[in-house]
């Protein structure tokens, strides 16, 4: 299958904001997530929330389960590019 136009791009900043919002909605602290993932420090979670890094696929699966959402509900695609693909 050949794709024309631009490919979807993940908006890292807005995805990070979404992770923070979903974490807060679930009533979890950054420390709670750190414990769930078994991370020695909370730095990875802060990087996700600030859009400086993206969770790996396996961590996205865990986040989706913890937040009780689909993975697609965590990721935020660049709307402008997504609009051009569906047009």
C-alpha atoms as a PDB file:
ATOM      1  CA  UNK A   1       0.000   0.000   0.000  1.00  0.00           C
ATOM      2  CA  UNK A   2       1.464   3.312  -1.039  1.00  0.00           C
ATOM      3  CA  UNK A   3       0.778   6.333   1.155  1.00  0.00           C
ATOM      4  CA  UNK A   4       0.515   9.743  -0.409  1.00  0.00           C
ATOM      5  CA  UNK A   5       1.063  13.026   1.398  1.00  0.00           C
ATOM      6  CA  UNK A   6       2.499  13.452   4.861  1.00  0.00           C
ATOM      7  CA  UNK A   7       2.442  10.708   7.450  1.00  0.00           C
ATOM      8  CA  UNK A   8       0.821  11.308  10.844  1.00  0.00           C
ATOM      9  CA  UNK A   9       3.054  12.914  13.447  1.00  0.00           C
ATOM     10  CA  UNK A  10       2.653  12.570  17.214  1.00  0.00           C
ATOM     11  CA  UNK A  11       2.390  15.937  18.955  1.00  0.00           C
ATOM     12  CA  UNK A  12       4.732  15.203  21.866  1.00  0.00           C
ATOM     13  CA  UNK A  13       3.819  18.292  23.899  1.00  0.00           C
ATOM     14  CA  UNK A  14       0.072  17.711  23.683  1.00  0.00           C
ATOM     15  CA  UNK A  15       0.531  13.958  24.261  1.00  0.00           C
ATOM     16  CA  UNK A  16       2.475  14.803  27.430  1.00  0.00           C
ATOM     17  CA  UNK A  17      -0.284  17.156  28.580  1.00  0.00           C
ATOM     18  CA  UNK A  18      -2.767  14.371  27.896  1.00  0.00           C
ATOM     19  CA  UNK A  19      -0.751  11.879  29.977  1.00  0.00           C
ATOM     20  CA  UNK A  20      -0.757  14.361  32.870  1.00  0.00           C
ATOM     21  CA  UNK A  21      -4.516  14.953  32.501  1.00  0.00           C
ATOM     22  CA  UNK A  22      -5.264  11.209  32.383  1.00  0.00           C
ATOM     23  CA  UNK A  23      -2.999  10.589  35.393  1.00  0.00           C
ATOM     24  CA  UNK A  24      -4.787  13.270  37.397  1.00  0.00           C
ATOM     25  CA  UNK A  25      -8.223  11.999  36.300  1.00  0.00           C
ATOM     26  CA  UNK A  26      -7.211   8.523  37.529  1.00  0.00           C
ATOM     27  CA  UNK A  27      -6.295  10.062  40.891  1.00  0.00           C
ATOM     28  CA  UNK A  28      -2.656   9.010  40.570  1.00  0.00           C
ATOM     29  CA  UNK A  29       0.481  10.918  41.525  1.00  0.00           C
ATOM     30  CA  UNK A  30       3.731  10.824  39.573  1.00  0.00           C
ATOM     31  CA  UNK A  31       5.075   8.685  42.449  1.00  0.00           C
ATOM     32  CA  UNK A  32       2.167   6.259  41.952  1.00  0.00           C
ATOM     33  CA  UNK A  33       3.115   5.831  38.274  1.00  0.00           C
ATOM     34  CA  UNK A  34       6.783   5.508  39.201  1.00  0.00           C
ATOM     35  CA  UNK A  35       5.866   2.644  41.537  1.00  0.00           C
ATOM     36  CA  UNK A  36       3.589   0.983  38.952  1.00  0.00           C
ATOM     37  CA  UNK A  37       6.422   0.966  36.396  1.00  0.00           C
ATOM     38  CA  UNK A  38       9.106   0.119  38.968  1.00  0.00           C
ATOM     39  CA  UNK A  39      11.205   3.116  37.924  1.00  0.00           C
ATOM     40  CA  UNK A  40      14.022   4.091  40.296  1.00  0.00           C
ATOM     41  CA  UNK A  41      13.262   7.792  39.708  1.00  0.00           C
ATOM     42  CA  UNK A  42      10.253   9.728  38.347  1.00  0.00           C
ATOM     43  CA  UNK A  43      12.290  11.398  35.596  1.00  0.00           C
ATOM     44  CA  UNK A  44      10.839   9.336  32.719  1.00  0.00           C
ATOM     45  CA  UNK A  45       7.296  10.242  33.748  1.00  0.00           C
ATOM     46  CA  UNK A  46       8.150  13.937  33.985  1.00  0.00           C
ATOM     47  CA  UNK A  47       9.776  13.742  30.527  1.00  0.00           C
ATOM     48  CA  UNK A  48       6.599  12.150  29.124  1.00  0.00           C
ATOM     49  CA  UNK A  49       4.423  14.832  30.722  1.00  0.00           C
ATOM     50  CA  UNK A  50       6.603  17.664  29.386  1.00  0.00           C
ATOM     51  CA  UNK A  51       6.782  16.178  25.893  1.00  0.00           C
ATOM     52  CA  UNK A  52      10.543  15.703  26.108  1.00  0.00           C
ATOM     53  CA  UNK A  53      10.230  11.927  25.569  1.00  0.00           C
ATOM     54  CA  UNK A  54       7.593   9.402  24.555  1.00  0.00           C
ATOM     55  CA  UNK A  55       6.692   6.240  26.468  1.00  0.00           C
ATOM     56  CA  UNK A  56       7.823   3.054  24.733  1.00  0.00           C
ATOM     57  CA  UNK A  57       5.107   0.872  23.204  1.00  0.00           C
ATOM     58  CA  UNK A  58       5.130  -1.507  26.175  1.00  0.00           C
ATOM     59  CA  UNK A  59       4.835   1.434  28.580  1.00  0.00           C
ATOM     60  CA  UNK A  60       1.952   2.836  26.485  1.00  0.00           C
ATOM     61  CA  UNK A  61       0.150  -0.491  26.900  1.00  0.00           C
ATOM     62  CA  UNK A  62       0.555  -0.237  30.681  1.00  0.00           C
ATOM     63  CA  UNK A  63      -0.548   3.430  30.725  1.00  0.00           C
ATOM     64  CA  UNK A  64      -3.660   2.544  28.732  1.00  0.00           C
ATOM     65  CA  UNK A  65      -4.504  -0.228  31.196  1.00  0.00           C
ATOM     66  CA  UNK A  66      -3.855   1.969  34.244  1.00  0.00           C
ATOM     67  CA  UNK A  67      -5.876   4.884  32.804  1.00  0.00           C
ATOM     68  CA  UNK A  68      -8.553   2.504  31.448  1.00  0.00           C
ATOM     69  CA  UNK A  69      -8.373   4.018  27.950  1.00  0.00           C
ATOM     70  CA  UNK A  70      -7.247   2.882  24.500  1.00  0.00           C
ATOM     71  CA  UNK A  71      -3.649   3.708  23.517  1.00  0.00           C
ATOM     72  CA  UNK A  72      -5.042   5.974  20.776  1.00  0.00           C
ATOM     73  CA  UNK A  73      -6.665   8.079  23.505  1.00  0.00           C
ATOM     74  CA  UNK A  74      -3.237   8.784  25.025  1.00  0.00           C
ATOM     75  CA  UNK A  75      -1.482   9.835  21.831  1.00  0.00           C
ATOM     76  CA  UNK A  76      -2.274  13.194  20.228  1.00  0.00           C
ATOM     77  CA  UNK A  77      -1.625  13.457  16.509  1.00  0.00           C
ATOM     78  CA  UNK A  78      -0.762  16.713  14.775  1.00  0.00           C
ATOM     79  CA  UNK A  79      -4.242  17.880  13.722  1.00  0.00           C
ATOM     80  CA  UNK A  80      -3.102  19.796  10.673  1.00  0.00           C
ATOM     81  CA  UNK A  81      -1.304  16.772   9.226  1.00  0.00           C
ATOM     82  CA  UNK A  82      -4.115  14.403  10.209  1.00  0.00           C
ATOM     83  CA  UNK A  83      -6.584  16.698   8.429  1.00  0.00           C
ATOM     84  CA  UNK A  84      -4.550  16.533   5.226  1.00  0.00           C
ATOM     85  CA  UNK A  85      -4.464  12.735   5.318  1.00  0.00           C
ATOM     86  CA  UNK A  86      -8.220  12.360   5.707  1.00  0.00           C
ATOM     87  CA  UNK A  87      -8.969  14.995   3.046  1.00  0.00           C
END
